[in-house]
N, C-alpha and C. Protein backbone atom coordinates (compact mmCIF):
# COMPACT_ATOMS: atom_id res chain seq x y z
N UNK A 1 6.25 -18.79 -5.83
CA UNK A 1 7.88 -19.39 -6.13
C UNK A 1 9.14 -17.99 -5.52
N UNK A 2 9.73 -18.32 -5.64
CA UNK A 2 11.18 -17.47 -4.83
C UNK A 2 11.50 -17.45 -6.48
N UNK A 3 12.07 -15.66 -6.25
CA UNK A 3 12.77 -15.86 -7.11
C UNK A 3 13.91 -15.10 -7.00
N UNK A 4 14.34 -14.53 -6.45
CA UNK A 4 15.15 -13.58 -5.16
C UNK A 4 15.40 -13.84 -3.32
N UNK A 5 15.98 -13.90 -2.81
CA UNK A 5 16.13 -12.45 -1.62
C UNK A 5 14.91 -11.70 -1.32
N UNK A 6 14.73 -11.05 -2.58
CA UNK A 6 13.35 -9.51 -2.18
C UNK A 6 12.23 -10.33 -2.74
N UNK A 7 11.94 -11.50 -3.81
CA UNK A 7 10.95 -11.15 -4.59
C UNK A 7 10.51 -12.88 -4.53
N UNK A 8 9.35 -13.13 -4.87
CA UNK A 8 8.62 -14.05 -5.04
C UNK A 8 7.36 -13.79 -6.14
N UNK A 9 6.89 -14.70 -7.02
CA UNK A 9 5.35 -14.13 -7.51
C UNK A 9 5.26 -15.78 -8.20
N UNK A 10 3.98 -15.69 -8.36
CA UNK A 10 3.28 -17.10 -9.32
C UNK A 10 3.66 -17.50 -10.75
N UNK A 11 4.65 -18.42 -11.01
CA UNK A 11 5.03 -18.70 -11.92
C UNK A 11 3.95 -18.27 -13.52
N UNK A 12 2.99 -19.57 -13.56
CA UNK A 12 1.56 -18.76 -14.07
C UNK A 12 0.84 -17.22 -14.09
N UNK A 13 1.09 -17.04 -13.40
CA UNK A 13 0.40 -15.33 -13.31
C UNK A 13 1.18 -14.87 -13.67
N UNK A 14 2.95 -14.91 -13.63
CA UNK A 14 3.92 -14.20 -14.24
C UNK A 14 3.86 -14.59 -15.84
N UNK A 15 3.45 -15.89 -16.37
CA UNK A 15 3.95 -15.81 -17.69
C UNK A 15 2.24 -15.19 -18.21
N UNK A 16 1.19 -15.49 -17.43
CA UNK A 16 0.15 -14.99 -18.51
C UNK A 16 0.40 -13.29 -18.35
N UNK A 17 0.80 -12.99 -17.52
CA UNK A 17 0.85 -11.15 -17.09
C UNK A 17 2.20 -11.17 -18.66
N UNK A 18 2.96 -11.50 -18.53
CA UNK A 18 4.33 -11.87 -20.30
C UNK A 18 3.19 -11.87 -21.09
N UNK A 19 2.61 -13.06 -21.07
CA UNK A 19 1.19 -12.91 -22.85
C UNK A 19 0.90 -12.12 -22.61
N UNK A 20 -0.36 -11.64 -21.50
CA UNK A 20 -1.00 -10.95 -22.33
C UNK A 20 -1.01 -8.92 -22.21
N UNK A 21 -0.24 -8.63 -21.13
CA UNK A 21 0.55 -7.13 -20.84
C UNK A 21 1.62 -7.02 -21.34
N UNK A 22 2.32 -8.13 -21.64
CA UNK A 22 3.40 -7.46 -22.23
C UNK A 22 4.92 -7.30 -21.23
N UNK A 23 4.66 -8.08 -20.05
CA UNK A 23 5.42 -7.37 -18.80
C UNK A 23 5.90 -8.41 -18.48
N UNK A 24 7.25 -8.43 -17.80
CA UNK A 24 7.64 -9.45 -16.86
C UNK A 24 7.69 -9.06 -15.29
N UNK A 25 7.76 -10.26 -14.55
CA UNK A 25 7.71 -10.03 -12.80
C UNK A 25 8.90 -9.51 -13.35
N UNK A 26 9.82 -9.75 -12.65
CA UNK A 26 11.31 -9.82 -12.86
C UNK A 26 11.64 -7.80 -13.05
N UNK A 27 10.84 -7.91 -14.35
CA UNK A 27 11.46 -6.01 -14.60
C UNK A 27 10.55 -5.11 -13.38
N UNK A 28 9.59 -6.10 -13.86
CA UNK A 28 8.70 -4.87 -12.77
C UNK A 28 8.39 -4.62 -10.82
N UNK A 29 9.15 -5.38 -10.60
CA UNK A 29 10.15 -5.77 -9.05
C UNK A 29 10.44 -4.14 -8.97
N UNK A 30 10.94 -3.88 -10.32
CA UNK A 30 12.21 -2.40 -10.03
C UNK A 30 11.54 -1.42 -9.96
N UNK A 31 9.92 -1.68 -9.53
CA UNK A 31 8.73 -0.61 -9.28
C UNK A 31 9.36 0.22 -8.01
N UNK A 32 9.70 -1.22 -7.50
CA UNK A 32 10.27 -1.37 -5.68
C UNK A 32 11.77 -0.27 -4.89
N UNK A 33 11.80 -0.28 -6.72
CA UNK A 33 13.72 0.85 -6.72
C UNK A 33 13.54 1.94 -6.63
N UNK A 34 11.88 2.81 -6.77
CA UNK A 34 12.27 4.38 -7.58
C UNK A 34 11.93 4.99 -6.63
N UNK A 35 12.60 5.76 -5.58
CA UNK A 35 12.55 6.55 -4.42
C UNK A 35 10.90 6.99 -4.71
N UNK A 36 10.39 8.07 -5.78
CA UNK A 36 9.51 8.41 -5.65
C UNK A 36 7.94 7.40 -5.46
N UNK A 37 8.11 6.39 -5.74
CA UNK A 37 6.93 5.52 -6.12
C UNK A 37 5.41 6.08 -4.59
N UNK A 38 4.83 5.33 -4.55
CA UNK A 38 3.73 5.01 -4.53
C UNK A 38 2.89 4.51 -4.05
N UNK A 39 2.69 3.74 -2.22
CA UNK A 39 2.10 2.74 -2.13
C UNK A 39 1.27 3.22 -1.08
N UNK A 40 -0.12 2.50 -1.52
CA UNK A 40 -0.71 2.67 -0.50
C UNK A 40 -1.96 0.44 -0.28
N UNK A 41 -2.85 0.80 1.35
CA UNK A 41 -3.00 -0.38 0.70
C UNK A 41 -4.26 -0.43 -0.22
N UNK A 42 -4.33 -1.91 -0.77
CA UNK A 42 -5.26 -1.95 -0.83
C UNK A 42 -6.68 -2.35 -0.80
N UNK A 43 -7.28 -1.55 -0.16
CA UNK A 43 -8.70 -2.13 0.78
C UNK A 43 -10.22 -2.41 -0.15
N UNK A 44 -10.04 -2.87 -1.28
CA UNK A 44 -11.28 -3.05 -1.63
C UNK A 44 -11.52 -4.20 -1.87
N UNK A 45 -11.18 -4.89 -0.91
CA UNK A 45 -11.64 -6.14 -0.28
C UNK A 45 -10.56 -6.86 0.86
N UNK A 46 -11.24 -8.13 1.24
CA UNK A 46 -10.55 -8.36 2.94
C UNK A 46 -9.87 -9.61 2.46
N UNK A 47 -8.73 -9.84 2.01
CA UNK A 47 -7.72 -10.68 1.18
C UNK A 47 -7.31 -11.88 2.46
N UNK A 48 -7.68 -11.48 3.75
CA UNK A 48 -6.78 -12.35 4.46
C UNK A 48 -5.20 -12.02 4.65
N UNK A 49 -5.14 -11.13 4.17
CA UNK A 49 -3.43 -10.63 4.17
C UNK A 49 -3.41 -9.48 3.71
N UNK A 50 -2.68 -8.29 4.09
CA UNK A 50 -2.60 -7.30 3.34
C UNK A 50 -2.26 -6.85 2.37
N UNK A 51 -2.69 -6.37 1.51
CA UNK A 51 -2.27 -5.97 -0.21
C UNK A 51 -1.63 -4.56 -0.11
N UNK A 52 -0.58 -4.54 -0.83
CA UNK A 52 -0.69 -2.49 -1.00
C UNK A 52 -0.36 -2.58 -2.65
N UNK A 53 -0.85 -1.39 -3.78
CA UNK A 53 -0.98 -1.51 -4.64
C UNK A 53 0.05 -0.03 -4.92
N UNK A 54 1.37 -0.74 -5.45
CA UNK A 54 2.83 0.33 -5.78
C UNK A 54 1.81 1.34 -7.36
N UNK A 55 2.68 2.51 -7.10
CA UNK A 55 2.39 2.80 -8.92
C UNK A 55 3.99 3.20 -8.56
N UNK A 56 4.57 3.51 -9.80
CA UNK A 56 6.16 3.89 -10.18
C UNK A 56 6.53 3.68 -11.69
N UNK A 57 7.77 4.12 -11.30
CA UNK A 57 8.86 3.87 -12.47
C UNK A 57 9.72 2.97 -12.90
N UNK A 58 9.77 1.54 -13.81
CA UNK A 58 9.85 0.96 -13.76
C UNK A 58 12.10 1.03 -13.77
N UNK A 59 12.97 0.64 -14.09
CA UNK A 59 14.07 1.12 -14.48
C UNK A 59 13.97 0.80 -16.39
N UNK A 60 13.15 -0.07 -16.93
CA UNK A 60 13.00 0.52 -18.05
C UNK A 60 11.92 1.95 -18.59
N UNK A 61 11.77 2.90 -17.45
CA UNK A 61 11.17 3.90 -18.05
C UNK A 61 9.63 3.81 -17.94
N UNK A 62 8.53 2.55 -17.53
CA UNK A 62 7.10 2.20 -17.71
C UNK A 62 7.03 2.74 -16.27
N UNK A 63 6.05 3.45 -16.60
CA UNK A 63 4.96 3.54 -15.46
C UNK A 63 3.87 2.65 -15.32
N UNK A 64 4.29 1.89 -14.04
CA UNK A 64 3.03 0.47 -13.71
C UNK A 64 2.36 0.96 -12.53
N UNK A 65 1.65 -0.30 -12.58
CA UNK A 65 1.30 -0.46 -11.11
C UNK A 65 1.07 -2.06 -10.75
N UNK A 66 2.07 -1.32 -9.66
CA UNK A 66 1.68 -3.52 -9.19
C UNK A 66 0.90 -3.54 -7.79
N UNK A 67 0.17 -4.94 -7.56
CA UNK A 67 -0.46 -5.81 -6.24
C UNK A 67 1.02 -6.11 -5.57
N UNK A 68 0.93 -6.30 -4.45
CA UNK A 68 1.63 -6.44 -3.91
C UNK A 68 1.69 -7.02 -2.64
N UNK A 69 3.02 -8.45 -1.90
CA UNK A 69 1.57 -8.42 -0.28
C UNK A 69 3.53 -8.75 -0.03
N UNK A 70 3.61 -8.98 1.55
CA UNK A 70 4.45 -9.45 2.50
C UNK A 70 4.36 -11.33 2.72
N UNK A 71 5.62 -12.11 2.61
CA UNK A 71 5.25 -13.22 2.91
C UNK A 71 6.84 -13.56 2.86
N UNK A 72 6.62 -14.28 4.33
CA UNK A 72 8.14 -14.95 4.51
C UNK A 72 8.78 -13.71 4.52
N UNK A 73 8.94 -12.33 4.43
CA UNK A 73 9.95 -11.49 4.90
C UNK A 73 10.08 -11.33 3.20
N UNK A 74 9.22 -11.67 2.40
CA UNK A 74 9.90 -11.62 0.59
C UNK A 74 8.72 -10.09 0.35
N UNK A 75 9.10 -9.95 -1.32
CA UNK A 75 7.91 -8.55 -1.50
C UNK A 75 7.21 -10.65 -2.62
N UNK A 76 5.46 -10.53 -2.50
CA UNK A 76 5.82 -11.33 -3.69
C UNK A 76 4.56 -10.92 -3.92
N UNK A 77 4.77 -10.63 -5.93
CA UNK A 77 4.07 -9.86 -6.76
C UNK A 77 2.80 -10.95 -7.47
N UNK A 78 1.63 -9.28 -7.31
CA UNK A 78 0.55 -10.21 -7.17
C UNK A 78 -0.41 -10.18 -8.86
N UNK A 79 0.69 -8.75 -9.23
CA UNK A 79 -0.22 -7.91 -10.35
C UNK A 79 0.74 -6.68 -10.84
N UNK A 80 0.66 -7.26 -12.15
CA UNK A 80 1.30 -5.48 -12.97
C UNK A 80 1.04 -5.53 -13.76
N UNK A 81 0.67 -4.34 -14.18
CA UNK A 81 0.13 -3.76 -15.05
C UNK A 81 0.51 -1.88 -15.44
N UNK A 82 0.05 -1.66 -17.13
CA UNK A 82 0.66 -0.47 -17.29
C UNK A 82 -0.11 0.55 -15.46
N UNK A 83 0.15 1.89 -15.83
CA UNK A 83 0.02 2.63 -14.68
C UNK A 83 -1.51 3.16 -15.86
N UNK A 84 -2.96 3.80 -15.42
CA UNK A 84 -3.95 4.35 -15.99
C UNK A 84 -3.37 5.58 -16.33
N UNK A 85 -4.10 5.74 -16.57
CA UNK A 85 -4.13 7.23 -16.37
C UNK A 85 -4.05 8.69 -15.01
N UNK A 86 -4.78 8.34 -14.42
CA UNK A 86 -5.47 8.65 -13.27
C UNK A 86 -4.66 8.74 -11.56
N UNK A 87 -3.29 7.09 -12.36
CA UNK A 87 -2.71 6.65 -11.87
C UNK A 87 -1.57 7.07 -12.01
N UNK A 88 -0.39 7.66 -13.00
CA UNK A 88 0.04 8.37 -13.53
C UNK A 88 -0.46 9.88 -13.24
N UNK A 89 -1.71 10.94 -13.34
CA UNK A 89 -1.63 12.07 -12.52
C UNK A 89 -1.06 11.94 -11.24
N UNK A 90 -1.75 10.62 -10.25
CA UNK A 90 -1.56 10.82 -8.86
C UNK A 90 0.40 10.53 -9.44
N UNK A 91 1.04 9.78 -9.58
CA UNK A 91 2.43 10.01 -9.56
C UNK A 91 2.52 11.24 -9.58
N UNK A 92 2.08 11.74 -10.44
CA UNK A 92 2.96 13.68 -10.63
C UNK A 92 2.79 13.77 -10.23
N UNK A 93 1.63 14.73 -9.18
CA UNK A 93 1.23 15.59 -8.87
C UNK A 93 1.57 15.36 -7.10
N UNK A 94 2.23 13.72 -7.33
CA UNK A 94 3.32 14.15 -5.96
C UNK A 94 4.36 14.28 -5.95
N UNK A 95 5.02 14.07 -6.70
CA UNK A 95 6.46 14.80 -6.86
C UNK A 95 6.83 16.26 -6.15
């Protein structure tokens, strides 16, 4: 479902993430505004689309990891979670 000019996501996945992880996709989307965010192509498997792992800080100060892809000119959020200790270290070392 389209959520804005910039973002879209699956409503069922967003509801699951809010319920299970306490993260709202609209808040998680603010990670893409972090000027120091780290982005890397997710090569774990062939998804038939380019997926990108984004590690960064949300406007609420949470360190998050998103998996996103581009569809129709928008960023589609596939998943959002708290960044792991390793991901936080990578982010901190990149400063």
